[in-house]
Amino acid sequence: MKNYRLYLIRHGITSGNLEGKYIGTTDLPLCEEGEDAISSLAALDVYPKVQKVYSSPLKRCLQTADIIYPERLLKRIDGIAELDFGEYEGKTQAELQSDEKYLEWLKGGYDGKRGYISRRYHAFRRYYESSFGIRSAQDEAYRLCLQSGRGI
């Protein structure tokens, strides 16, 4: 049986990150600090060598992947885009401190992190299986890089 490796790499910093906002589906680009940090790490050769790069369609993820892997063809997968924070999108924790639903959500209610990870895994698997006509990602010997908005 052939094996593969899947690397998950978090995108660089955006202005929304610096402001402490939930920016899930808000399509912000990397800020200058984010570009510089990713470029510095890439120059130090800290990222794994890969044969394929998959990314969320969000600007910050695409930019991060392009900085780290400029020589690799980048494949966008819509199904692995960041979590939509709904009514919390664009707000900070300070703005939401008195919202009871928000406090419950922080404890893992409303689908929590486990549901998010499961949805992204299944989206990637569906894409991989339909694109390559295989039943399992284990059938491929590629080292893969999955660039997503979430560090898992």
N, C-alpha and C. Protein backbone atom coordinates (compact mmCIF):
# COMPACT_ATOMS: atom_id res chain seq x y z
N MET A 1 0.84 -1.18 0.00
CA MET A 1 0.00 0.00 0.00
C MET A 1 0.89 1.25 0.00
N LYS A 2 0.53 2.20 -0.83
CA LYS A 2 1.27 3.44 -0.90
C LYS A 2 0.77 4.41 0.18
N ASN A 3 1.65 5.23 0.64
CA ASN A 3 1.30 6.23 1.65
C ASN A 3 1.41 7.63 1.07
N TYR A 4 0.80 8.58 1.73
CA TYR A 4 0.90 9.98 1.34
C TYR A 4 1.01 10.80 2.62
N ARG A 5 1.42 12.03 2.45
CA ARG A 5 1.47 12.97 3.57
C ARG A 5 0.64 14.18 3.20
N LEU A 6 -0.12 14.65 4.13
CA LEU A 6 -0.95 15.82 3.94
C LEU A 6 -0.49 16.87 4.94
N TYR A 7 -0.03 18.00 4.45
CA TYR A 7 0.44 19.08 5.31
C TYR A 7 -0.62 20.18 5.34
N LEU A 8 -0.94 20.64 6.52
CA LEU A 8 -1.89 21.74 6.68
C LEU A 8 -1.10 22.97 7.11
N ILE A 9 -1.21 24.03 6.34
CA ILE A 9 -0.45 25.25 6.61
C ILE A 9 -1.43 26.41 6.74
N ARG A 10 -1.34 27.12 7.85
CA ARG A 10 -2.22 28.26 8.07
C ARG A 10 -1.74 29.46 7.25
N HIS A 11 -2.70 30.24 6.78
CA HIS A 11 -2.39 31.44 6.01
C HIS A 11 -1.67 32.48 6.87
N GLY A 12 -1.05 33.45 6.22
CA GLY A 12 -0.39 34.55 6.91
C GLY A 12 -1.39 35.52 7.52
N ILE A 13 -0.87 36.49 8.21
CA ILE A 13 -1.68 37.46 8.97
C ILE A 13 -2.36 38.47 8.04
N THR A 14 -3.59 38.82 8.40
CA THR A 14 -4.34 39.86 7.69
C THR A 14 -4.60 41.02 8.64
N SER A 15 -5.11 42.11 8.11
CA SER A 15 -5.46 43.24 8.98
C SER A 15 -6.55 42.83 9.97
N GLY A 16 -7.46 41.98 9.55
CA GLY A 16 -8.50 41.49 10.45
C GLY A 16 -7.93 40.69 11.61
N ASN A 17 -6.91 39.88 11.34
CA ASN A 17 -6.24 39.14 12.42
C ASN A 17 -5.62 40.11 13.42
N LEU A 18 -4.95 41.13 12.91
CA LEU A 18 -4.30 42.11 13.78
C LEU A 18 -5.31 42.86 14.64
N GLU A 19 -6.51 43.05 14.11
CA GLU A 19 -7.57 43.75 14.85
C GLU A 19 -8.37 42.81 15.75
N GLY A 20 -8.06 41.51 15.71
CA GLY A 20 -8.75 40.53 16.56
C GLY A 20 -10.16 40.21 16.11
N LYS A 21 -10.44 40.35 14.83
CA LYS A 21 -11.79 40.12 14.31
C LYS A 21 -11.95 38.69 13.79
N TYR A 22 -13.19 38.21 13.86
CA TYR A 22 -13.55 36.96 13.20
C TYR A 22 -13.73 37.30 11.72
N ILE A 23 -12.87 36.76 10.87
CA ILE A 23 -12.91 37.12 9.46
C ILE A 23 -13.08 35.90 8.56
N GLY A 24 -13.76 34.89 9.04
CA GLY A 24 -13.95 33.65 8.29
C GLY A 24 -14.08 33.79 6.79
N THR A 25 -15.26 34.17 6.31
CA THR A 25 -15.49 34.25 4.87
C THR A 25 -15.18 35.63 4.30
N THR A 26 -14.83 36.58 5.15
CA THR A 26 -14.43 37.89 4.65
C THR A 26 -13.13 37.71 3.89
N ASP A 27 -13.11 38.09 2.64
CA ASP A 27 -11.98 37.77 1.76
C ASP A 27 -10.89 38.84 1.83
N LEU A 28 -10.19 38.86 2.95
CA LEU A 28 -9.11 39.83 3.14
C LEU A 28 -7.79 39.30 2.59
N PRO A 29 -6.99 40.16 1.99
CA PRO A 29 -5.65 39.75 1.57
C PRO A 29 -4.70 39.75 2.76
N LEU A 30 -3.52 39.21 2.57
CA LEU A 30 -2.48 39.32 3.60
C LEU A 30 -2.13 40.79 3.77
N CYS A 31 -1.82 41.17 5.00
CA CYS A 31 -1.30 42.52 5.21
C CYS A 31 0.22 42.45 4.99
N GLU A 32 0.87 43.58 5.00
CA GLU A 32 2.32 43.62 4.74
C GLU A 32 3.07 42.75 5.74
N GLU A 33 2.67 42.82 7.00
CA GLU A 33 3.32 42.00 8.04
C GLU A 33 3.14 40.51 7.74
N GLY A 34 1.96 40.13 7.27
CA GLY A 34 1.70 38.73 6.93
C GLY A 34 2.54 38.26 5.76
N GLU A 35 2.64 39.09 4.72
CA GLU A 35 3.48 38.74 3.57
C GLU A 35 4.94 38.60 3.98
N ASP A 36 5.41 39.54 4.79
CA ASP A 36 6.81 39.52 5.22
C ASP A 36 7.11 38.27 6.06
N ALA A 37 6.20 37.92 6.97
CA ALA A 37 6.43 36.76 7.84
C ALA A 37 6.48 35.47 7.03
N ILE A 38 5.54 35.29 6.10
CA ILE A 38 5.53 34.08 5.27
C ILE A 38 6.77 34.04 4.38
N SER A 39 7.12 35.17 3.79
CA SER A 39 8.31 35.23 2.92
C SER A 39 9.57 34.89 3.71
N SER A 40 9.68 35.39 4.93
CA SER A 40 10.85 35.10 5.76
C SER A 40 10.96 33.62 6.08
N LEU A 41 9.83 33.00 6.43
CA LEU A 41 9.83 31.57 6.72
C LEU A 41 10.14 30.75 5.48
N ALA A 42 9.58 31.16 4.35
CA ALA A 42 9.86 30.44 3.09
C ALA A 42 11.35 30.53 2.74
N ALA A 43 11.96 31.69 2.99
CA ALA A 43 13.39 31.88 2.70
C ALA A 43 14.25 30.98 3.60
N LEU A 44 13.74 30.66 4.78
CA LEU A 44 14.46 29.77 5.71
C LEU A 44 14.23 28.30 5.37
N ASP A 45 13.39 28.05 4.36
CA ASP A 45 13.11 26.70 3.89
C ASP A 45 12.49 25.82 4.98
N VAL A 46 11.55 26.40 5.76
CA VAL A 46 10.92 25.65 6.84
C VAL A 46 9.70 24.84 6.39
N TYR A 47 9.19 25.14 5.20
CA TYR A 47 8.00 24.45 4.73
C TYR A 47 8.37 23.15 4.03
N PRO A 48 7.49 22.14 4.12
CA PRO A 48 7.80 20.84 3.50
C PRO A 48 7.81 20.92 1.97
N LYS A 49 8.59 20.04 1.37
CA LYS A 49 8.60 19.90 -0.09
C LYS A 49 7.35 19.12 -0.48
N VAL A 50 6.64 19.59 -1.51
CA VAL A 50 5.40 18.96 -1.92
C VAL A 50 5.34 18.83 -3.43
N GLN A 51 4.46 17.97 -3.89
CA GLN A 51 4.23 17.81 -5.32
C GLN A 51 2.98 18.53 -5.78
N LYS A 52 2.02 18.70 -4.90
CA LYS A 52 0.76 19.35 -5.23
C LYS A 52 0.38 20.32 -4.11
N VAL A 53 -0.29 21.41 -4.51
CA VAL A 53 -0.75 22.40 -3.54
C VAL A 53 -2.23 22.67 -3.77
N TYR A 54 -3.02 22.52 -2.73
CA TYR A 54 -4.46 22.79 -2.77
C TYR A 54 -4.73 23.93 -1.81
N SER A 55 -5.67 24.79 -2.16
CA SER A 55 -5.92 25.97 -1.33
C SER A 55 -7.40 26.32 -1.27
N SER A 56 -7.77 26.93 -0.19
CA SER A 56 -9.05 27.62 -0.09
C SER A 56 -9.05 28.73 -1.15
N PRO A 57 -10.21 29.16 -1.61
CA PRO A 57 -10.25 30.22 -2.62
C PRO A 57 -10.04 31.63 -2.05
N LEU A 58 -9.89 31.76 -0.76
CA LEU A 58 -9.74 33.09 -0.16
C LEU A 58 -8.38 33.69 -0.48
N LYS A 59 -8.36 35.02 -0.69
CA LYS A 59 -7.13 35.73 -1.09
C LYS A 59 -5.96 35.42 -0.16
N ARG A 60 -6.18 35.46 1.15
CA ARG A 60 -5.08 35.26 2.10
C ARG A 60 -4.45 33.88 1.96
N CYS A 61 -5.27 32.88 1.63
CA CYS A 61 -4.76 31.52 1.47
C CYS A 61 -4.02 31.37 0.15
N LEU A 62 -4.59 31.92 -0.91
CA LEU A 62 -3.94 31.85 -2.22
C LEU A 62 -2.61 32.59 -2.20
N GLN A 63 -2.57 33.75 -1.57
CA GLN A 63 -1.32 34.51 -1.49
C GLN A 63 -0.27 33.74 -0.70
N THR A 64 -0.67 33.15 0.41
CA THR A 64 0.26 32.39 1.24
C THR A 64 0.85 31.23 0.44
N ALA A 65 -0.01 30.49 -0.25
CA ALA A 65 0.46 29.36 -1.05
C ALA A 65 1.40 29.82 -2.16
N ASP A 66 1.09 30.95 -2.80
CA ASP A 66 1.94 31.47 -3.88
C ASP A 66 3.31 31.89 -3.37
N ILE A 67 3.37 32.41 -2.15
CA ILE A 67 4.65 32.81 -1.58
C ILE A 67 5.50 31.58 -1.24
N ILE A 68 4.86 30.58 -0.64
CA ILE A 68 5.59 29.40 -0.20
C ILE A 68 5.96 28.48 -1.36
N TYR A 69 5.03 28.31 -2.29
CA TYR A 69 5.22 27.36 -3.39
C TYR A 69 5.02 28.03 -4.76
N PRO A 70 5.86 29.00 -5.10
CA PRO A 70 5.66 29.72 -6.37
C PRO A 70 5.86 28.83 -7.60
N GLU A 71 6.59 27.73 -7.45
CA GLU A 71 6.88 26.86 -8.60
C GLU A 71 5.82 25.77 -8.78
N ARG A 72 4.84 25.70 -7.90
CA ARG A 72 3.83 24.65 -7.97
C ARG A 72 2.51 25.19 -8.50
N LEU A 73 1.83 24.38 -9.29
CA LEU A 73 0.50 24.71 -9.75
C LEU A 73 -0.43 24.67 -8.55
N LEU A 74 -1.23 25.68 -8.40
CA LEU A 74 -2.12 25.80 -7.25
C LEU A 74 -3.55 25.45 -7.66
N LYS A 75 -4.17 24.53 -6.95
CA LYS A 75 -5.55 24.13 -7.24
C LYS A 75 -6.45 24.65 -6.13
N ARG A 76 -7.42 25.48 -6.51
CA ARG A 76 -8.40 26.01 -5.56
C ARG A 76 -9.51 24.99 -5.32
N ILE A 77 -9.89 24.83 -4.05
CA ILE A 77 -10.99 23.95 -3.69
C ILE A 77 -11.97 24.77 -2.86
N ASP A 78 -13.11 25.10 -3.43
CA ASP A 78 -14.08 25.94 -2.73
C ASP A 78 -14.55 25.33 -1.42
N GLY A 79 -14.66 24.02 -1.36
CA GLY A 79 -15.19 23.34 -0.18
C GLY A 79 -14.34 23.42 1.06
N ILE A 80 -13.11 23.90 0.96
CA ILE A 80 -12.27 24.01 2.16
C ILE A 80 -12.11 25.45 2.62
N ALA A 81 -12.97 26.33 2.13
CA ALA A 81 -12.92 27.74 2.56
C ALA A 81 -13.20 27.84 4.05
N GLU A 82 -12.82 28.93 4.62
CA GLU A 82 -12.95 29.17 6.05
C GLU A 82 -14.40 29.09 6.53
N LEU A 83 -14.53 28.85 7.80
CA LEU A 83 -15.81 28.83 8.48
C LEU A 83 -16.50 30.18 8.36
N ASP A 84 -17.78 30.19 8.05
CA ASP A 84 -18.57 31.42 8.02
C ASP A 84 -19.03 31.70 9.44
N PHE A 85 -18.61 32.82 9.99
CA PHE A 85 -18.96 33.15 11.37
C PHE A 85 -20.32 33.83 11.49
N GLY A 86 -21.04 33.93 10.39
CA GLY A 86 -22.40 34.45 10.43
C GLY A 86 -22.47 35.83 11.06
N GLU A 87 -23.33 35.96 12.04
CA GLU A 87 -23.53 37.27 12.69
C GLU A 87 -22.29 37.73 13.46
N TYR A 88 -21.33 36.85 13.69
CA TYR A 88 -20.09 37.23 14.40
C TYR A 88 -19.00 37.71 13.44
N GLU A 89 -19.22 37.52 12.15
CA GLU A 89 -18.23 37.91 11.14
C GLU A 89 -17.89 39.40 11.26
N GLY A 90 -16.60 39.70 11.31
CA GLY A 90 -16.14 41.08 11.38
C GLY A 90 -16.16 41.68 12.77
N LYS A 91 -16.57 40.91 13.77
CA LYS A 91 -16.62 41.42 15.14
C LYS A 91 -15.48 40.84 15.96
N THR A 92 -15.17 41.51 17.05
CA THR A 92 -14.11 41.06 17.96
C THR A 92 -14.74 40.36 19.17
N GLN A 93 -13.91 39.65 19.93
CA GLN A 93 -14.40 39.01 21.15
C GLN A 93 -14.95 40.05 22.12
N ALA A 94 -14.29 41.20 22.20
CA ALA A 94 -14.76 42.26 23.10
C ALA A 94 -16.17 42.71 22.74
N GLU A 95 -16.48 42.76 21.46
CA GLU A 95 -17.81 43.17 21.02
C GLU A 95 -18.87 42.11 21.31
N LEU A 96 -18.46 40.87 21.52
CA LEU A 96 -19.40 39.76 21.68
C LEU A 96 -19.47 39.22 23.11
N GLN A 97 -18.76 39.81 24.04
CA GLN A 97 -18.66 39.29 25.42
C GLN A 97 -20.00 39.06 26.10
N SER A 98 -21.00 39.85 25.79
CA SER A 98 -22.29 39.72 26.47
C SER A 98 -23.32 38.91 25.68
N ASP A 99 -22.93 38.35 24.56
CA ASP A 99 -23.83 37.57 23.71
C ASP A 99 -23.84 36.12 24.20
N GLU A 100 -24.98 35.66 24.75
CA GLU A 100 -25.06 34.32 25.33
C GLU A 100 -24.84 33.22 24.29
N LYS A 101 -25.37 33.38 23.09
CA LYS A 101 -25.17 32.38 22.03
C LYS A 101 -23.68 32.28 21.67
N TYR A 102 -23.02 33.42 21.65
CA TYR A 102 -21.59 33.44 21.36
C TYR A 102 -20.81 32.68 22.44
N LEU A 103 -21.14 32.91 23.69
CA LEU A 103 -20.44 32.24 24.79
C LEU A 103 -20.68 30.72 24.73
N GLU A 104 -21.89 30.30 24.35
CA GLU A 104 -22.16 28.88 24.18
C GLU A 104 -21.36 28.31 23.01
N TRP A 105 -21.27 29.07 21.93
CA TRP A 105 -20.51 28.65 20.76
C TRP A 105 -19.04 28.44 21.11
N LEU A 106 -18.48 29.32 21.96
CA LEU A 106 -17.08 29.18 22.38
C LEU A 106 -16.84 27.87 23.13
N LYS A 107 -17.85 27.38 23.81
CA LYS A 107 -17.74 26.13 24.56
C LYS A 107 -17.90 24.90 23.67
N GLY A 108 -18.17 25.11 22.38
CA GLY A 108 -18.31 23.98 21.47
C GLY A 108 -19.73 23.75 21.00
N GLY A 109 -20.65 24.60 21.38
CA GLY A 109 -22.02 24.48 20.90
C GLY A 109 -22.12 24.93 19.45
N TYR A 110 -23.26 24.80 18.87
CA TYR A 110 -23.51 25.21 17.48
C TYR A 110 -22.52 24.59 16.52
N ASP A 111 -22.28 23.31 16.64
CA ASP A 111 -21.45 22.54 15.71
C ASP A 111 -19.97 22.57 16.07
N GLY A 112 -19.49 23.60 16.71
CA GLY A 112 -18.13 23.65 17.20
C GLY A 112 -17.06 23.29 16.19
N LYS A 113 -15.83 23.16 16.65
CA LYS A 113 -14.68 22.89 15.79
C LYS A 113 -14.74 21.51 15.15
N ARG A 114 -15.24 20.53 15.88
CA ARG A 114 -15.28 19.17 15.34
C ARG A 114 -16.10 19.12 14.05
N GLY A 115 -17.24 19.78 14.01
CA GLY A 115 -18.06 19.81 12.81
C GLY A 115 -17.35 20.51 11.66
N TYR A 116 -16.62 21.56 11.98
CA TYR A 116 -15.87 22.30 10.96
C TYR A 116 -14.82 21.40 10.31
N ILE A 117 -14.05 20.73 11.13
CA ILE A 117 -12.98 19.87 10.61
C ILE A 117 -13.57 18.74 9.76
N SER A 118 -14.65 18.14 10.23
CA SER A 118 -15.28 17.06 9.48
C SER A 118 -15.76 17.53 8.12
N ARG A 119 -16.40 18.70 8.05
CA ARG A 119 -16.89 19.22 6.77
C ARG A 119 -15.74 19.48 5.81
N ARG A 120 -14.63 20.02 6.29
CA ARG A 120 -13.49 20.32 5.42
C ARG A 120 -12.82 19.05 4.94
N TYR A 121 -12.69 18.07 5.81
CA TYR A 121 -12.10 16.79 5.43
C TYR A 121 -12.93 16.15 4.31
N HIS A 122 -14.24 16.09 4.49
CA HIS A 122 -15.09 15.46 3.50
C HIS A 122 -15.11 16.24 2.19
N ALA A 123 -15.04 17.56 2.25
CA ALA A 123 -14.98 18.37 1.02
C ALA A 123 -13.71 18.05 0.25
N PHE A 124 -12.58 17.99 0.94
CA PHE A 124 -11.31 17.67 0.28
C PHE A 124 -11.34 16.26 -0.29
N ARG A 125 -11.86 15.32 0.47
CA ARG A 125 -11.92 13.93 0.00
C ARG A 125 -12.80 13.80 -1.25
N ARG A 126 -13.97 14.47 -1.24
CA ARG A 126 -14.85 14.42 -2.42
C ARG A 126 -14.13 14.99 -3.64
N TYR A 127 -13.43 16.11 -3.45
CA TYR A 127 -12.70 16.71 -4.56
C TYR A 127 -11.64 15.74 -5.08
N TYR A 128 -10.86 15.19 -4.18
CA TYR A 128 -9.76 14.32 -4.56
C TYR A 128 -10.26 13.09 -5.30
N GLU A 129 -11.30 12.47 -4.77
CA GLU A 129 -11.83 11.26 -5.39
C GLU A 129 -12.43 11.55 -6.76
N SER A 130 -13.16 12.65 -6.91
CA SER A 130 -13.77 12.95 -8.21
C SER A 130 -12.72 13.41 -9.22
N SER A 131 -11.70 14.10 -8.78
CA SER A 131 -10.68 14.60 -9.71
C SER A 131 -9.76 13.51 -10.22
N PHE A 132 -9.46 12.55 -9.38
CA PHE A 132 -8.48 11.53 -9.74
C PHE A 132 -9.11 10.16 -9.96
N GLY A 133 -10.43 10.04 -9.80
CA GLY A 133 -11.13 8.79 -10.07
C GLY A 133 -10.71 7.66 -9.17
N ILE A 134 -10.42 7.97 -7.93
CA ILE A 134 -10.01 6.92 -7.00
C ILE A 134 -10.93 6.92 -5.79
N ARG A 135 -10.94 5.83 -5.07
CA ARG A 135 -11.82 5.68 -3.91
C ARG A 135 -11.20 6.22 -2.64
N SER A 136 -9.91 6.28 -2.58
CA SER A 136 -9.24 6.70 -1.34
C SER A 136 -7.99 7.48 -1.66
N ALA A 137 -7.75 8.51 -0.91
CA ALA A 137 -6.54 9.30 -1.10
C ALA A 137 -5.30 8.45 -0.84
N GLN A 138 -5.43 7.34 -0.14
CA GLN A 138 -4.28 6.49 0.13
C GLN A 138 -3.79 5.79 -1.13
N ASP A 139 -4.59 5.79 -2.19
CA ASP A 139 -4.16 5.17 -3.44
C ASP A 139 -3.10 5.98 -4.17
N GLU A 140 -2.89 7.20 -3.78
CA GLU A 140 -1.91 8.08 -4.42
C GLU A 140 -0.67 8.20 -3.55
N ALA A 141 0.49 8.28 -4.18
CA ALA A 141 1.75 8.37 -3.44
C ALA A 141 2.22 9.81 -3.31
N TYR A 142 1.38 10.75 -3.72
CA TYR A 142 1.78 12.15 -3.68
C TYR A 142 1.90 12.67 -2.26
N ARG A 143 2.84 13.58 -2.10
CA ARG A 143 2.85 14.39 -0.89
C ARG A 143 1.99 15.59 -1.23
N LEU A 144 1.04 15.88 -0.39
CA LEU A 144 0.09 16.94 -0.68
C LEU A 144 0.26 18.08 0.31
N CYS A 145 -0.09 19.25 -0.15
CA CYS A 145 -0.14 20.39 0.75
C CYS A 145 -1.53 20.98 0.65
N LEU A 146 -2.21 21.05 1.76
CA LEU A 146 -3.55 21.62 1.81
C LEU A 146 -3.44 22.96 2.53
N GLN A 147 -3.70 24.02 1.81
CA GLN A 147 -3.60 25.36 2.37
C GLN A 147 -5.01 25.81 2.70
N SER A 148 -5.29 25.91 3.97
CA SER A 148 -6.63 26.28 4.39
C SER A 148 -6.58 27.46 5.33
N GLY A 149 -7.74 28.05 5.54
CA GLY A 149 -7.82 29.17 6.45
C GLY A 149 -7.69 28.78 7.89
N ARG A 150 -7.85 27.54 8.22
CA ARG A 150 -7.80 27.09 9.61
C ARG A 150 -6.55 26.29 9.87
N GLY A 151 -5.89 26.57 10.98
CA GLY A 151 -4.84 25.70 11.45
C GLY A 151 -5.50 24.59 12.24
N ILE A 152 -5.31 23.37 11.87
CA ILE A 152 -5.98 22.26 12.55
C ILE A 152 -4.97 21.45 13.32
